[in-house]
PDB file of N, CA and C in Angstrom:
ATOM      1  N   MET A   1      31.498  18.771  -7.002  1.00  0.00           N
ATOM      2  CA  MET A   1      30.546  17.666  -8.130  1.00  0.00           C
ATOM      3  C   MET A   1      29.297  17.679  -8.076  1.00  0.00           C
ATOM      4  N   THR A   2      28.822  17.071  -9.408  1.00  0.00           N
ATOM      5  CA  THR A   2      27.276  16.963  -9.320  1.00  0.00           C
ATOM      6  C   THR A   2      26.793  15.656  -9.772  1.00  0.00           C
ATOM      7  N   ASN A   3      25.445  15.516  -9.592  1.00  0.00           N
ATOM      8  CA  ASN A   3      24.815  14.259 -10.327  1.00  0.00           C
ATOM      9  C   ASN A   3      24.152  14.369 -11.437  1.00  0.00           C
ATOM     10  N   GLU A   4      23.917  15.546 -12.064  1.00  0.00           N
ATOM     11  CA  GLU A   4      23.253  16.113 -13.359  1.00  0.00           C
ATOM     12  C   GLU A   4      24.198  15.462 -14.290  1.00  0.00           C
ATOM     13  N   ARG A   5      23.596  15.045 -15.297  1.00  0.00           N
ATOM     14  CA  ARG A   5      23.781  14.296 -16.598  1.00  0.00           C
ATOM     15  C   ARG A   5      24.069  16.121 -17.665  1.00  0.00           C
ATOM     16  N   GLN A   6      25.073  15.942 -18.341  1.00  0.00           N
ATOM     17  CA  GLN A   6      25.395  17.014 -18.861  1.00  0.00           C
ATOM     18  C   GLN A   6      24.626  17.142 -20.071  1.00  0.00           C
ATOM     19  N   ASP A   7      23.745  16.311 -20.811  1.00  0.00           N
ATOM     20  CA  ASP A   7      22.872  16.469 -21.805  1.00  0.00           C
ATOM     21  C   ASP A   7      21.619  16.995 -21.240  1.00  0.00           C
ATOM     22  N   GLN A   8      21.315  16.994 -20.175  1.00  0.00           N
ATOM     23  CA  GLN A   8      20.040  17.561 -19.735  1.00  0.00           C
ATOM     24  C   GLN A   8      19.846  18.848 -18.922  1.00  0.00           C
ATOM     25  N   PRO A   9      18.679  19.571 -19.336  1.00  0.00           N
ATOM     26  CA  PRO A   9      18.946  21.258 -18.602  1.00  0.00           C
ATOM     27  C   PRO A   9      18.851  20.714 -17.310  1.00  0.00           C
ATOM     28  N   ALA A  10      19.287  21.875 -16.357  1.00  0.00           N
ATOM     29  CA  ALA A  10      19.395  21.821 -15.332  1.00  0.00           C
ATOM     30  C   ALA A  10      17.479  21.967 -14.473  1.00  0.00           C
ATOM     31  N   ASP A  11      17.030  22.532 -14.805  1.00  0.00           N
ATOM     32  CA  ASP A  11      15.602  22.512 -14.620  1.00  0.00           C
ATOM     33  C   ASP A  11      14.719  21.589 -14.593  1.00  0.00           C
ATOM     34  N   SER A  12      15.292  20.215 -15.724  1.00  0.00           N
ATOM     35  CA  SER A  12      14.609  19.348 -15.872  1.00  0.00           C
ATOM     36  C   SER A  12      14.193  18.523 -15.007  1.00  0.00           C
ATOM     37  N   PRO A  13      13.418  17.529 -14.917  1.00  0.00           N
ATOM     38  CA  PRO A  13      13.252  16.449 -13.578  1.00  0.00           C
ATOM     39  C   PRO A  13      14.002  15.548 -13.817  1.00  0.00           C
ATOM     40  N   ALA A  14      14.580  14.897 -13.102  1.00  0.00           N
ATOM     41  CA  ALA A  14      15.397  13.272 -13.226  1.00  0.00           C
ATOM     42  C   ALA A  14      14.730  12.484 -13.905  1.00  0.00           C
ATOM     43  N   PRO A  15      15.230  11.873 -14.383  1.00  0.00           N
ATOM     44  CA  PRO A  15      14.628  10.228 -15.101  1.00  0.00           C
ATOM     45  C   PRO A  15      14.002   9.577 -13.834  1.00  0.00           C
ATOM     46  N   ILE A  16      13.159   9.291 -14.259  1.00  0.00           N
ATOM     47  CA  ILE A  16      12.546   8.045 -13.111  1.00  0.00           C
ATOM     48  C   ILE A  16      12.936   7.056 -13.339  1.00  0.00           C
ATOM     49  N   ALA A  17      13.587   6.379 -12.122  1.00  0.00           N
ATOM     50  CA  ALA A  17      14.348   4.776 -12.212  1.00  0.00           C
ATOM     51  C   ALA A  17      14.175   4.550 -10.679  1.00  0.00           C
ATOM     52  N   CYS A  18      14.760   3.076 -10.598  1.00  0.00           N
ATOM     53  CA  CYS A  18      14.976   2.506  -9.344  1.00  0.00           C
ATOM     54  C   CYS A  18      15.979   3.079  -8.357  1.00  0.00           C
ATOM     55  N   SER A  19      15.642   3.097  -7.537  1.00  0.00           N
ATOM     56  CA  SER A  19      16.547   3.750  -6.441  1.00  0.00           C
ATOM     57  C   SER A  19      17.996   2.960  -6.153  1.00  0.00           C
ATOM     58  N   PHE A  20      17.495   1.391  -6.211  1.00  0.00           N
ATOM     59  CA  PHE A  20      18.544   0.582  -5.837  1.00  0.00           C
ATOM     60  C   PHE A  20      19.440  -0.215  -7.280  1.00  0.00           C
ATOM     61  N   CYS A  21      18.428  -0.476  -8.450  1.00  0.00           N
ATOM     62  CA  CYS A  21      19.282  -0.906  -9.335  1.00  0.00           C
ATOM     63  C   CYS A  21      19.430   0.121 -10.188  1.00  0.00           C
ATOM     64  N   HIS A  22      19.050   1.251 -10.464  1.00  0.00           N
ATOM     65  CA  HIS A  22      18.637   2.396 -11.189  1.00  0.00           C
ATOM     66  C   HIS A  22      18.348   1.695 -12.865  1.00  0.00           C
ATOM     67  N   ARG A  23      17.429   1.029 -12.751  1.00  0.00           N
ATOM     68  CA  ARG A  23      16.813   0.753 -14.073  1.00  0.00           C
ATOM     69  C   ARG A  23      15.485   1.403 -14.195  1.00  0.00           C
ATOM     70  N   ALA A  24      15.504   2.017 -15.612  1.00  0.00           N
ATOM     71  CA  ALA A  24      14.595   3.118 -16.078  1.00  0.00           C
ATOM     72  C   ALA A  24      13.285   2.562 -16.034  1.00  0.00           C
ATOM     73  N   LEU A  25      12.178   3.931 -16.028  1.00  0.00           N
ATOM     74  CA  LEU A  25      10.871   3.096 -15.533  1.00  0.00           C
ATOM     75  C   LEU A  25      10.540   2.142 -17.247  1.00  0.00           C
ATOM     76  N   GLU A  26      10.725   2.508 -18.283  1.00  0.00           N
ATOM     77  CA  GLU A  26      10.548   1.909 -19.332  1.00  0.00           C
ATOM     78  C   GLU A  26      11.435   0.496 -19.366  1.00  0.00           C
ATOM     79  N   ASP A  27      12.450   0.280 -18.513  1.00  0.00           N
ATOM     80  CA  ASP A  27      13.010  -0.944 -18.474  1.00  0.00           C
ATOM     81  C   ASP A  27      12.260  -1.728 -17.652  1.00  0.00           C
ATOM     82  N   VAL A  28      11.028  -1.717 -16.680  1.00  0.00           N
ATOM     83  CA  VAL A  28      10.576  -2.588 -15.603  1.00  0.00           C
ATOM     84  C   VAL A  28       9.274  -2.786 -15.924  1.00  0.00           C
ATOM     85  N   ARG A  29       8.912  -3.725 -15.261  1.00  0.00           N
ATOM     86  CA  ARG A  29       7.295  -3.753 -15.439  1.00  0.00           C
ATOM     87  C   ARG A  29       6.585  -3.041 -14.381  1.00  0.00           C
ATOM     88  N   LYS A  30       7.026  -2.638 -13.089  1.00  0.00           N
ATOM     89  CA  LYS A  30       6.340  -1.914 -12.353  1.00  0.00           C
ATOM     90  C   LYS A  30       7.648  -0.865 -11.477  1.00  0.00           C
ATOM     91  N   LEU A  31       7.256   0.088 -11.027  1.00  0.00           N
ATOM     92  CA  LEU A  31       8.014   0.801 -10.334  1.00  0.00           C
ATOM     93  C   LEU A  31       7.315   1.685  -8.976  1.00  0.00           C
ATOM     94  N   ILE A  32       7.681   1.379  -7.934  1.00  0.00           N
ATOM     95  CA  ILE A  32       6.471   1.971  -7.089  1.00  0.00           C
ATOM     96  C   ILE A  32       7.461   2.773  -6.129  1.00  0.00           C
ATOM     97  N   GLY A  33       6.781   4.046  -6.110  1.00  0.00           N
ATOM     98  CA  GLY A  33       7.302   5.280  -5.835  1.00  0.00           C
ATOM     99  C   GLY A  33       7.338   5.477  -3.848  1.00  0.00           C
ATOM    100  N   GLY A  34       7.970   5.916  -3.392  1.00  0.00           N
ATOM    101  CA  GLY A  34       8.162   5.893  -1.986  1.00  0.00           C
ATOM    102  C   GLY A  34       8.461   7.391  -1.439  1.00  0.00           C
ATOM    103  N   HIS A  35       8.457   7.498  -0.395  1.00  0.00           N
ATOM    104  CA  HIS A  35       8.853   8.975   0.580  1.00  0.00           C
ATOM    105  C   HIS A  35      10.085   9.477  -0.053  1.00  0.00           C
ATOM    106  N   GLY A  36      10.363  10.402  -0.618  1.00  0.00           N
ATOM    107  CA  GLY A  36      11.640  11.877  -0.903  1.00  0.00           C
ATOM    108  C   GLY A  36      12.113  11.332  -2.235  1.00  0.00           C
ATOM    109  N   GLY A  37      10.952  10.696  -3.335  1.00  0.00           N
ATOM    110  CA  GLY A  37      11.895  10.436  -4.322  1.00  0.00           C
ATOM    111  C   GLY A  37      12.324   9.192  -4.756  1.00  0.00           C
ATOM    112  N   ALA A  38      12.330   8.195  -3.769  1.00  0.00           N
ATOM    113  CA  ALA A  38      12.876   6.800  -3.791  1.00  0.00           C
ATOM    114  C   ALA A  38      11.975   5.817  -4.328  1.00  0.00           C
ATOM    115  N   ALA A  39      12.299   4.992  -5.316  1.00  0.00           N
ATOM    116  CA  ALA A  39      11.665   4.308  -5.487  1.00  0.00           C
ATOM    117  C   ALA A  39      12.074   2.678  -5.769  1.00  0.00           C
ATOM    118  N   ILE A  40      11.288   1.568  -5.970  1.00  0.00           N
ATOM    119  CA  ILE A  40      11.638   0.184  -6.428  1.00  0.00           C
ATOM    120  C   ILE A  40      10.819  -0.486  -7.335  1.00  0.00           C
ATOM    121  N   CYS A  41      11.702  -1.218  -7.904  1.00  0.00           N
ATOM    122  CA  CYS A  41      11.125  -1.634  -9.458  1.00  0.00           C
ATOM    123  C   CYS A  41      10.678  -3.387  -8.822  1.00  0.00           C
ATOM    124  N   ASP A  42       9.937  -3.687  -9.523  1.00  0.00           N
ATOM    125  CA  ASP A  42       9.514  -5.002  -9.581  1.00  0.00           C
ATOM    126  C   ASP A  42      10.583  -6.161  -9.192  1.00  0.00           C
ATOM    127  N   ARG A  43      11.746  -5.904 -10.304  1.00  0.00           N
ATOM    128  CA  ARG A  43      12.942  -7.061  -9.943  1.00  0.00           C
ATOM    129  C   ARG A  43      13.487  -6.823  -8.747  1.00  0.00           C
ATOM    130  N   CYS A  44      13.385  -5.806  -8.453  1.00  0.00           N
ATOM    131  CA  CYS A  44      14.187  -5.692  -6.971  1.00  0.00           C
ATOM    132  C   CYS A  44      13.340  -6.158  -5.839  1.00  0.00           C
ATOM    133  N   VAL A  45      12.339  -5.859  -6.054  1.00  0.00           N
ATOM    134  CA  VAL A  45      10.997  -6.126  -4.810  1.00  0.00           C
ATOM    135  C   VAL A  45      11.319  -8.184  -4.828  1.00  0.00           C
ATOM    136  N   THR A  46      11.363  -8.740  -5.889  1.00  0.00           N
ATOM    137  CA  THR A  46      11.441  -9.986  -6.161  1.00  0.00           C
ATOM    138  C   THR A  46      12.802 -10.319  -5.664  1.00  0.00           C
ATOM    139  N   LEU A  47      13.922  -9.851  -5.930  1.00  0.00           N
ATOM    140  CA  LEU A  47      15.006 -10.246  -5.360  1.00  0.00           C
ATOM    141  C   LEU A  47      15.276  -9.886  -3.713  1.00  0.00           C
ATOM    142  N   PHE A  48      14.832  -8.979  -3.208  1.00  0.00           N
ATOM    143  CA  PHE A  48      14.956  -8.879  -1.956  1.00  0.00           C
ATOM    144  C   PHE A  48      13.711  -9.589  -1.121  1.00  0.00           C
ATOM    145  N   THR A  49      12.571  -9.917  -1.793  1.00  0.00           N
ATOM    146  CA  THR A  49      11.613 -11.080  -1.010  1.00  0.00           C
ATOM    147  C   THR A  49      12.788 -12.436  -0.640  1.00  0.00           C
ATOM    148  N   LYS A  50      13.463 -12.957  -2.213  1.00  0.00           N
ATOM    149  CA  LYS A  50      14.196 -13.889  -1.802  1.00  0.00           C
ATOM    150  C   LYS A  50      15.413 -14.190  -0.895  1.00  0.00           C
ATOM    151  N   MET A  51      16.049 -12.541  -0.863  1.00  0.00           N
ATOM    152  CA  MET A  51      17.028 -12.645   0.073  1.00  0.00           C
ATOM    153  C   MET A  51      16.248 -12.705   1.690  1.00  0.00           C
ATOM    154  N   VAL A  52      15.275 -12.228   2.054  1.00  0.00           N
ATOM    155  CA  VAL A  52      14.544 -12.122   3.097  1.00  0.00           C
ATOM    156  C   VAL A  52      14.474 -13.580   3.844  1.00  0.00           C
ATOM    157  N   ARG A  53      13.907 -14.186   2.408  1.00  0.00           N
ATOM    158  CA  ARG A  53      13.319 -15.676   2.916  1.00  0.00           C
ATOM    159  C   ARG A  53      14.226 -16.698   3.043  1.00  0.00           C
ATOM    160  N   ALA A  54      15.320 -16.646   2.417  1.00  0.00           N
ATOM    161  CA  ALA A  54      16.797 -17.094   2.313  1.00  0.00           C
ATOM    162  C   ALA A  54      17.219 -17.040   3.931  1.00  0.00           C
ATOM    163  N   GLU A  55      16.650 -16.145   4.360  1.00  0.00           N
ATOM    164  CA  GLU A  55      17.467 -15.551   5.644  1.00  0.00           C
ATOM    165  C   GLU A  55      16.593 -16.504   6.782  1.00  0.00           C
ATOM    166  N   GLY A  56      15.741 -16.808   6.594  1.00  0.00           N
ATOM    167  CA  GLY A  56      14.600 -17.643   7.309  1.00  0.00           C
ATOM    168  C   GLY A  56      13.481 -16.974   8.034  1.00  0.00           C
ATOM    169  N   ALA A  57      13.504 -15.168   7.341  1.00  0.00           N
ATOM    170  CA  ALA A  57      12.238 -14.587   8.159  1.00  0.00           C
ATOM    171  C   ALA A  57      11.053 -14.765   7.262  1.00  0.00           C
ATOM    172  N   ALA A  58       9.820 -14.719   8.560  1.00  0.00           N
ATOM    173  CA  ALA A  58       8.865 -14.681   7.648  1.00  0.00           C
ATOM    174  C   ALA A  58       8.172 -13.468   6.889  1.00  0.00           C
ATOM    175  N   PRO A  59       8.023 -13.644   5.284  1.00  0.00           N
ATOM    176  CA  PRO A  59       7.684 -12.238   4.971  1.00  0.00           C
ATOM    177  C   PRO A  59       6.444 -11.234   5.742  1.00  0.00           C
ATOM    178  N   ASN A  60       5.804 -11.775   6.454  1.00  0.00           N
ATOM    179  CA  ASN A  60       5.107 -10.908   7.306  1.00  0.00           C
ATOM    180  C   ASN A  60       5.520 -10.580   8.526  1.00  0.00           C
ATOM    181  N   ASP A  61       6.624 -10.653   8.885  1.00  0.00           N
ATOM    182  CA  ASP A  61       7.129 -10.741  10.318  1.00  0.00           C
ATOM    183  C   ASP A  61       7.241  -9.393  10.527  1.00  0.00           C
ATOM    184  N   GLU A  62       6.309  -8.628  11.413  1.00  0.00           N
ATOM    185  CA  GLU A  62       6.645  -7.609  11.751  1.00  0.00           C
ATOM    186  C   GLU A  62       7.158  -7.001  13.026  1.00  0.00           C
ATOM    187  N   SER A  63       7.854  -7.870  13.506  1.00  0.00           N
ATOM    188  CA  SER A  63       8.751  -8.071  14.645  1.00  0.00           C
ATOM    189  C   SER A  63       9.860  -7.144  15.187  1.00  0.00           C
ATOM    190  N   ASP A  64      10.278  -5.914  13.858  1.00  0.00           N
ATOM    191  CA  ASP A  64      11.297  -5.249  14.120  1.00  0.00           C
ATOM    192  C   ASP A  64      11.104  -4.141  14.677  1.00  0.00           C
ATOM    193  N   GLY A  65      10.223  -3.738  15.302  1.00  0.00           N
ATOM    194  CA  GLY A  65      10.095  -2.471  15.768  1.00  0.00           C
ATOM    195  C   GLY A  65       9.782  -2.607  17.258  1.00  0.00           C
TER     196      GLY A  65
END
């Protein structure tokens, strides 16, 4: 089983999209790339920030290590 799309040649690069919500680059305002090809869009950053704040953690809390 493979994740390649049938209408896309095997040697062409994968479309750029958010690793979390899978919105395409054209569908978001910003897409931030990370290690290993991971990416996150501005909408997911906003959603995750709201979730963290709702749990009572400070947005700049670096005590997870």
